[in-house]
C-alpha atoms as a PDB file:
ATOM      1  CA  UNK A   1       0.000   0.000   0.000  1.00  0.00           C
ATOM      2  CA  UNK A   2       2.823   2.419   0.824  1.00  0.00           C
ATOM      3  CA  UNK A   3       4.451   1.741  -2.551  1.00  0.00           C
ATOM      4  CA  UNK A   4       1.149   2.453  -4.312  1.00  0.00           C
ATOM      5  CA  UNK A   5       0.771   5.783  -2.511  1.00  0.00           C
ATOM      6  CA  UNK A   6       4.420   6.585  -3.167  1.00  0.00           C
ATOM      7  CA  UNK A   7       4.112   5.884  -6.895  1.00  0.00           C
ATOM      8  CA  UNK A   8       0.932   7.972  -7.038  1.00  0.00           C
ATOM      9  CA  UNK A   9       2.763  10.927  -5.455  1.00  0.00           C
ATOM     10  CA  UNK A  10       5.550  10.577  -8.017  1.00  0.00           C
ATOM     11  CA  UNK A  11       2.885  10.592 -10.746  1.00  0.00           C
ATOM     12  CA  UNK A  12       1.422  13.822  -9.349  1.00  0.00           C
ATOM     13  CA  UNK A  13       4.919  15.310  -9.212  1.00  0.00           C
ATOM     14  CA  UNK A  14       5.489  14.560 -12.892  1.00  0.00           C
ATOM     15  CA  UNK A  15       2.062  15.626 -14.103  1.00  0.00           C
ATOM     16  CA  UNK A  16       2.327  18.945 -12.298  1.00  0.00           C
ATOM     17  CA  UNK A  17       6.096  19.200 -12.878  1.00  0.00           C
ATOM     18  CA  UNK A  18       7.567  21.981 -10.767  1.00  0.00           C
ATOM     19  CA  UNK A  19       4.227  23.292  -9.534  1.00  0.00           C
ATOM     20  CA  UNK A  20       4.327  20.423  -7.009  1.00  0.00           C
ATOM     21  CA  UNK A  21       7.086  22.268  -5.143  1.00  0.00           C
ATOM     22  CA  UNK A  22       6.507  25.309  -2.960  1.00  0.00           C
ATOM     23  CA  UNK A  23       6.718  28.532  -4.952  1.00  0.00           C
ATOM     24  CA  UNK A  24      10.021  29.538  -3.356  1.00  0.00           C
ATOM     25  CA  UNK A  25      11.723  26.626  -5.138  1.00  0.00           C
ATOM     26  CA  UNK A  26      10.418  27.329  -8.645  1.00  0.00           C
ATOM     27  CA  UNK A  27      13.269  29.692  -9.506  1.00  0.00           C
ATOM     28  CA  UNK A  28      15.997  27.503  -8.042  1.00  0.00           C
ATOM     29  CA  UNK A  29      15.236  24.151  -9.679  1.00  0.00           C
ATOM     30  CA  UNK A  30      17.746  23.637 -12.462  1.00  0.00           C
ATOM     31  CA  UNK A  31      20.496  21.290 -13.550  1.00  0.00           C
ATOM     32  CA  UNK A  32      22.445  22.188 -10.400  1.00  0.00           C
ATOM     33  CA  UNK A  33      19.692  20.998  -8.056  1.00  0.00           C
ATOM     34  CA  UNK A  34      20.879  17.879  -6.210  1.00  0.00           C
ATOM     35  CA  UNK A  35      18.934  15.220  -4.348  1.00  0.00           C
ATOM     36  CA  UNK A  36      20.153  12.424  -2.123  1.00  0.00           C
ATOM     37  CA  UNK A  37      17.916   9.386  -1.783  1.00  0.00           C
ATOM     38  CA  UNK A  38      18.419   6.946   1.074  1.00  0.00           C
ATOM     39  CA  UNK A  39      17.304   3.488  -0.078  1.00  0.00           C
ATOM     40  CA  UNK A  40      17.806   1.617  -3.343  1.00  0.00           C
ATOM     41  CA  UNK A  41      14.602  -0.378  -3.262  1.00  0.00           C
ATOM     42  CA  UNK A  42      11.712   0.132  -5.684  1.00  0.00           C
ATOM     43  CA  UNK A  43      10.586   3.391  -4.086  1.00  0.00           C
ATOM     44  CA  UNK A  44      14.093   4.883  -4.042  1.00  0.00           C
ATOM     45  CA  UNK A  45      14.806   3.877  -7.629  1.00  0.00           C
ATOM     46  CA  UNK A  46      11.399   5.146  -8.801  1.00  0.00           C
ATOM     47  CA  UNK A  47      11.981   8.459  -7.079  1.00  0.00           C
ATOM     48  CA  UNK A  48      15.426   8.773  -8.659  1.00  0.00           C
ATOM     49  CA  UNK A  49      14.077   8.113 -12.146  1.00  0.00           C
ATOM     50  CA  UNK A  50      11.227  10.599 -11.690  1.00  0.00           C
ATOM     51  CA  UNK A  51      13.510  13.338 -10.341  1.00  0.00           C
ATOM     52  CA  UNK A  52      16.065  12.805 -13.119  1.00  0.00           C
ATOM     53  CA  UNK A  53      13.247  13.173 -15.639  1.00  0.00           C
ATOM     54  CA  UNK A  54      12.599  16.717 -14.436  1.00  0.00           C
ATOM     55  CA  UNK A  55      16.297  17.603 -14.410  1.00  0.00           C
ATOM     56  CA  UNK A  56      17.366  17.001 -10.819  1.00  0.00           C
ATOM     57  CA  UNK A  57      20.756  15.355 -10.172  1.00  0.00           C
ATOM     58  CA  UNK A  58      20.270  12.293  -7.989  1.00  0.00           C
ATOM     59  CA  UNK A  59      22.534  10.106  -5.869  1.00  0.00           C
ATOM     60  CA  UNK A  60      21.159   6.948  -4.224  1.00  0.00           C
ATOM     61  CA  UNK A  61      22.719   5.579  -1.037  1.00  0.00           C
ATOM     62  CA  UNK A  62      22.044   2.222   0.592  1.00  0.00           C
ATOM     63  CA  UNK A  63      23.531   0.426   3.570  1.00  0.00           C
ATOM     64  CA  UNK A  64      23.613  -2.931   1.799  1.00  0.00           C
ATOM     65  CA  UNK A  65      26.970  -4.069   0.458  1.00  0.00           C
ATOM     66  CA  UNK A  66      25.402  -5.804  -2.526  1.00  0.00           C
ATOM     67  CA  UNK A  67      21.982  -5.672  -4.148  1.00  0.00           C
ATOM     68  CA  UNK A  68      20.476  -9.112  -3.844  1.00  0.00           C
ATOM     69  CA  UNK A  69      17.087 -10.765  -4.296  1.00  0.00           C
ATOM     70  CA  UNK A  70      14.602  -9.749  -1.625  1.00  0.00           C
ATOM     71  CA  UNK A  71      10.893 -10.450  -1.413  1.00  0.00           C
ATOM     72  CA  UNK A  72       8.633 -12.528  -3.551  1.00  0.00           C
ATOM     73  CA  UNK A  73       5.481 -11.434  -5.349  1.00  0.00           C
ATOM     74  CA  UNK A  74       4.644  -7.773  -5.758  1.00  0.00           C
ATOM     75  CA  UNK A  75       1.120  -6.521  -6.427  1.00  0.00           C
ATOM     76  CA  UNK A  76       0.773  -3.335  -8.474  1.00  0.00           C
ATOM     77  CA  UNK A  77      -2.645  -1.716  -8.881  1.00  0.00           C
ATOM     78  CA  UNK A  78      -3.489  -0.158 -12.276  1.00  0.00           C
ATOM     79  CA  UNK A  79      -2.889   3.405 -11.037  1.00  0.00           C
ATOM     80  CA  UNK A  80       0.537   2.278  -9.795  1.00  0.00           C
ATOM     81  CA  UNK A  81       1.344   1.098 -13.316  1.00  0.00           C
ATOM     82  CA  UNK A  82       0.153   4.449 -14.669  1.00  0.00           C
ATOM     83  CA  UNK A  83       2.554   6.186 -12.292  1.00  0.00           C
ATOM     84  CA  UNK A  84       5.438   4.063 -13.555  1.00  0.00           C
ATOM     85  CA  UNK A  85       4.457   4.855 -17.140  1.00  0.00           C
ATOM     86  CA  UNK A  86       4.526   8.596 -16.343  1.00  0.00           C
ATOM     87  CA  UNK A  87       8.137   8.606 -15.159  1.00  0.00           C
ATOM     88  CA  UNK A  88       9.519   5.828 -17.378  1.00  0.00           C
ATOM     89  CA  UNK A  89       7.610   4.446 -20.369  1.00  0.00           C
ATOM     90  CA  UNK A  90      10.456   1.987 -20.921  1.00  0.00           C
ATOM     91  CA  UNK A  91      10.248   0.591 -17.364  1.00  0.00           C
ATOM     92  CA  UNK A  92       6.452   0.463 -17.682  1.00  0.00           C
ATOM     93  CA  UNK A  93       6.710  -1.607 -20.866  1.00  0.00           C
ATOM     94  CA  UNK A  94       9.218  -4.020 -19.295  1.00  0.00           C
ATOM     95  CA  UNK A  95       7.245  -4.385 -16.064  1.00  0.00           C
ATOM     96  CA  UNK A  96       3.989  -4.814 -17.974  1.00  0.00           C
ATOM     97  CA  UNK A  97       5.575  -7.668 -19.945  1.00  0.00           C
ATOM     98  CA  UNK A  98       6.193  -9.467 -16.617  1.00  0.00           C
ATOM     99  CA  UNK A  99       2.708  -9.037 -15.137  1.00  0.00           C
ATOM    100  CA  UNK A 100       0.241 -11.747 -14.200  1.00  0.00           C
ATOM    101  CA  UNK A 101      -3.266 -10.288 -13.887  1.00  0.00           C
ATOM    102  CA  UNK A 102      -5.185 -11.363 -10.829  1.00  0.00           C
ATOM    103  CA  UNK A 103      -8.514 -10.414  -9.285  1.00  0.00           C
ATOM    104  CA  UNK A 104      -9.162  -9.919  -5.596  1.00  0.00           C
ATOM    105  CA  UNK A 105     -12.699 -10.850  -4.662  1.00  0.00           C
ATOM    106  CA  UNK A 106     -12.958 -11.039  -0.869  1.00  0.00           C
ATOM    107  CA  UNK A 107     -13.781  -8.023   1.261  1.00  0.00           C
ATOM    108  CA  UNK A 108     -13.569  -8.351   5.066  1.00  0.00           C
ATOM    109  CA  UNK A 109     -14.018  -5.981   8.007  1.00  0.00           C
ATOM    110  CA  UNK A 110     -11.430  -5.252  10.721  1.00  0.00           C
ATOM    111  CA  UNK A 111     -12.488  -8.373  12.647  1.00  0.00           C
ATOM    112  CA  UNK A 112     -11.869 -10.507   9.537  1.00  0.00           C
ATOM    113  CA  UNK A 113     -15.611 -11.087   9.020  1.00  0.00           C
ATOM    114  CA  UNK A 114     -16.713 -11.583   5.426  1.00  0.00           C
ATOM    115  CA  UNK A 115     -18.501  -8.488   4.074  1.00  0.00           C
ATOM    116  CA  UNK A 116     -18.913  -8.928   0.345  1.00  0.00           C
ATOM    117  CA  UNK A 117     -17.234  -9.772  -2.900  1.00  0.00           C
ATOM    118  CA  UNK A 118     -15.544  -6.930  -4.729  1.00  0.00           C
ATOM    119  CA  UNK A 119     -13.715  -7.366  -7.994  1.00  0.00           C
ATOM    120  CA  UNK A 120     -10.413  -5.514  -8.030  1.00  0.00           C
ATOM    121  CA  UNK A 121      -7.638  -5.895 -10.570  1.00  0.00           C
ATOM    122  CA  UNK A 122      -4.200  -6.521  -9.139  1.00  0.00           C
ATOM    123  CA  UNK A 123      -1.171  -7.000 -11.328  1.00  0.00           C
ATOM    124  CA  UNK A 124       1.307  -9.470  -9.852  1.00  0.00           C
ATOM    125  CA  UNK A 125       4.977  -9.614 -10.681  1.00  0.00           C
ATOM    126  CA  UNK A 126       8.286 -10.338  -9.011  1.00  0.00           C
ATOM    127  CA  UNK A 127       9.765  -7.735  -6.666  1.00  0.00           C
ATOM    128  CA  UNK A 128      13.229  -8.633  -7.929  1.00  0.00           C
ATOM    129  CA  UNK A 129      12.188  -8.247 -11.576  1.00  0.00           C
ATOM    130  CA  UNK A 130      10.766  -4.757 -10.952  1.00  0.00           C
ATOM    131  CA  UNK A 131      13.885  -3.739  -9.027  1.00  0.00           C
ATOM    132  CA  UNK A 132      16.115  -5.007 -11.863  1.00  0.00           C
ATOM    133  CA  UNK A 133      14.074  -3.124 -14.471  1.00  0.00           C
ATOM    134  CA  UNK A 134      14.317   0.097 -12.462  1.00  0.00           C
ATOM    135  CA  UNK A 135      18.046  -0.417 -11.830  1.00  0.00           C
ATOM    136  CA  UNK A 136      18.552  -0.463 -15.598  1.00  0.00           C
ATOM    137  CA  UNK A 137      17.012   3.029 -15.737  1.00  0.00           C
ATOM    138  CA  UNK A 138      19.531   4.472 -13.241  1.00  0.00           C
ATOM    139  CA  UNK A 139      23.227   5.010 -13.874  1.00  0.00           C
ATOM    140  CA  UNK A 140      25.452   2.794 -11.716  1.00  0.00           C
ATOM    141  CA  UNK A 141      27.527   5.942 -11.075  1.00  0.00           C
ATOM    142  CA  UNK A 142      24.577   7.323  -9.102  1.00  0.00           C
ATOM    143  CA  UNK A 143      24.252   4.356  -6.701  1.00  0.00           C
ATOM    144  CA  UNK A 144      26.466   4.157  -3.606  1.00  0.00           C
ATOM    145  CA  UNK A 145      26.288   0.879  -1.696  1.00  0.00           C
ATOM    146  CA  UNK A 146      27.758   0.191   1.740  1.00  0.00           C
ATOM    147  CA  UNK A 147      26.738   3.659   2.948  1.00  0.00           C
ATOM    148  CA  UNK A 148      24.691   3.414   6.131  1.00  0.00           C
ATOM    149  CA  UNK A 149      22.937   6.717   6.776  1.00  0.00           C
ATOM    150  CA  UNK A 150      23.648   8.135  10.241  1.00  0.00           C
ATOM    151  CA  UNK A 151      22.270  11.672  10.380  1.00  0.00           C
ATOM    152  CA  UNK A 152      21.797  14.905   8.511  1.00  0.00           C
ATOM    153  CA  UNK A 153      22.347  18.573   9.221  1.00  0.00           C
ATOM    154  CA  UNK A 154      21.121  21.716   7.526  1.00  0.00           C
ATOM    155  CA  UNK A 155      23.818  24.218   6.592  1.00  0.00           C
ATOM    156  CA  UNK A 156      21.965  27.477   7.235  1.00  0.00           C
ATOM    157  CA  UNK A 157      24.479  29.543   5.295  1.00  0.00           C
ATOM    158  CA  UNK A 158      23.841  27.617   2.048  1.00  0.00           C
ATOM    159  CA  UNK A 159      20.434  26.030   2.753  1.00  0.00           C
ATOM    160  CA  UNK A 160      21.967  22.678   1.826  1.00  0.00           C
ATOM    161  CA  UNK A 161      21.538  19.316   3.536  1.00  0.00           C
ATOM    162  CA  UNK A 162      24.653  17.487   4.688  1.00  0.00           C
ATOM    163  CA  UNK A 163      24.118  13.721   4.935  1.00  0.00           C
ATOM    164  CA  UNK A 164      26.495  11.694   7.118  1.00  0.00           C
ATOM    165  CA  UNK A 165      27.275   8.007   6.661  1.00  0.00           C
ATOM    166  CA  UNK A 166      28.949   5.408   8.874  1.00  0.00           C
ATOM    167  CA  UNK A 167      32.030   5.189   6.632  1.00  0.00           C
ATOM    168  CA  UNK A 168      33.038   8.724   7.708  1.00  0.00           C
ATOM    169  CA  UNK A 169      31.821  10.183   4.415  1.00  0.00           C
ATOM    170  CA  UNK A 170      29.373  12.995   3.961  1.00  0.00           C
ATOM    171  CA  UNK A 171      27.590  14.441   0.950  1.00  0.00           C
ATOM    172  CA  UNK A 172      25.802  17.718   0.390  1.00  0.00           C
ATOM    173  CA  UNK A 173      22.524  18.162  -1.487  1.00  0.00           C
ATOM    174  CA  UNK A 174      19.534  20.465  -1.853  1.00  0.00           C
ATOM    175  CA  UNK A 175      17.068  17.836  -0.662  1.00  0.00           C
ATOM    176  CA  UNK A 176      17.253  14.540   1.219  1.00  0.00           C
ATOM    177  CA  UNK A 177      14.655  11.812   0.635  1.00  0.00           C
ATOM    178  CA  UNK A 178      14.205   8.681   2.734  1.00  0.00           C
ATOM    179  CA  UNK A 179      12.800   5.930   0.500  1.00  0.00           C
ATOM    180  CA  UNK A 180      13.523   2.586   2.080  1.00  0.00           C
END
């Protein structure tokens, strides 16, 4: 559910382009605008692709030493697929080619009592496959593994965010996004 909401917000960001940001940022967004994303999972990769599409430089950091298979099946609702199509038609096409359509029919209340039958389309695919497809949309130069995020600070003189990692490295950006 969180991924669906996250992808929908990315879709809104792309449809509205820069109007999604507060007005004070409209004049400052350009090719020199940098974002750091913490997390190289589907949400982090999707965010990176969407931000790159509107001209923001992106670096992705993850604490893992190596990207490896995690998870099993992944359900993507139709509006989630539309969000993916908005920020990467190529990723959408590749993900769509790996979809198994399924219908959810059981509706229950909070006490797990049967309420009714509701038909709802759910597209099933492999988490790993989606992550691989999205990884192919991001430059390997923009992904930094073995970087465990520790803390951040705001530099009030430059209005930049300084992100600190456990390997005694730090990086500066205009925005910091947690997307694990």
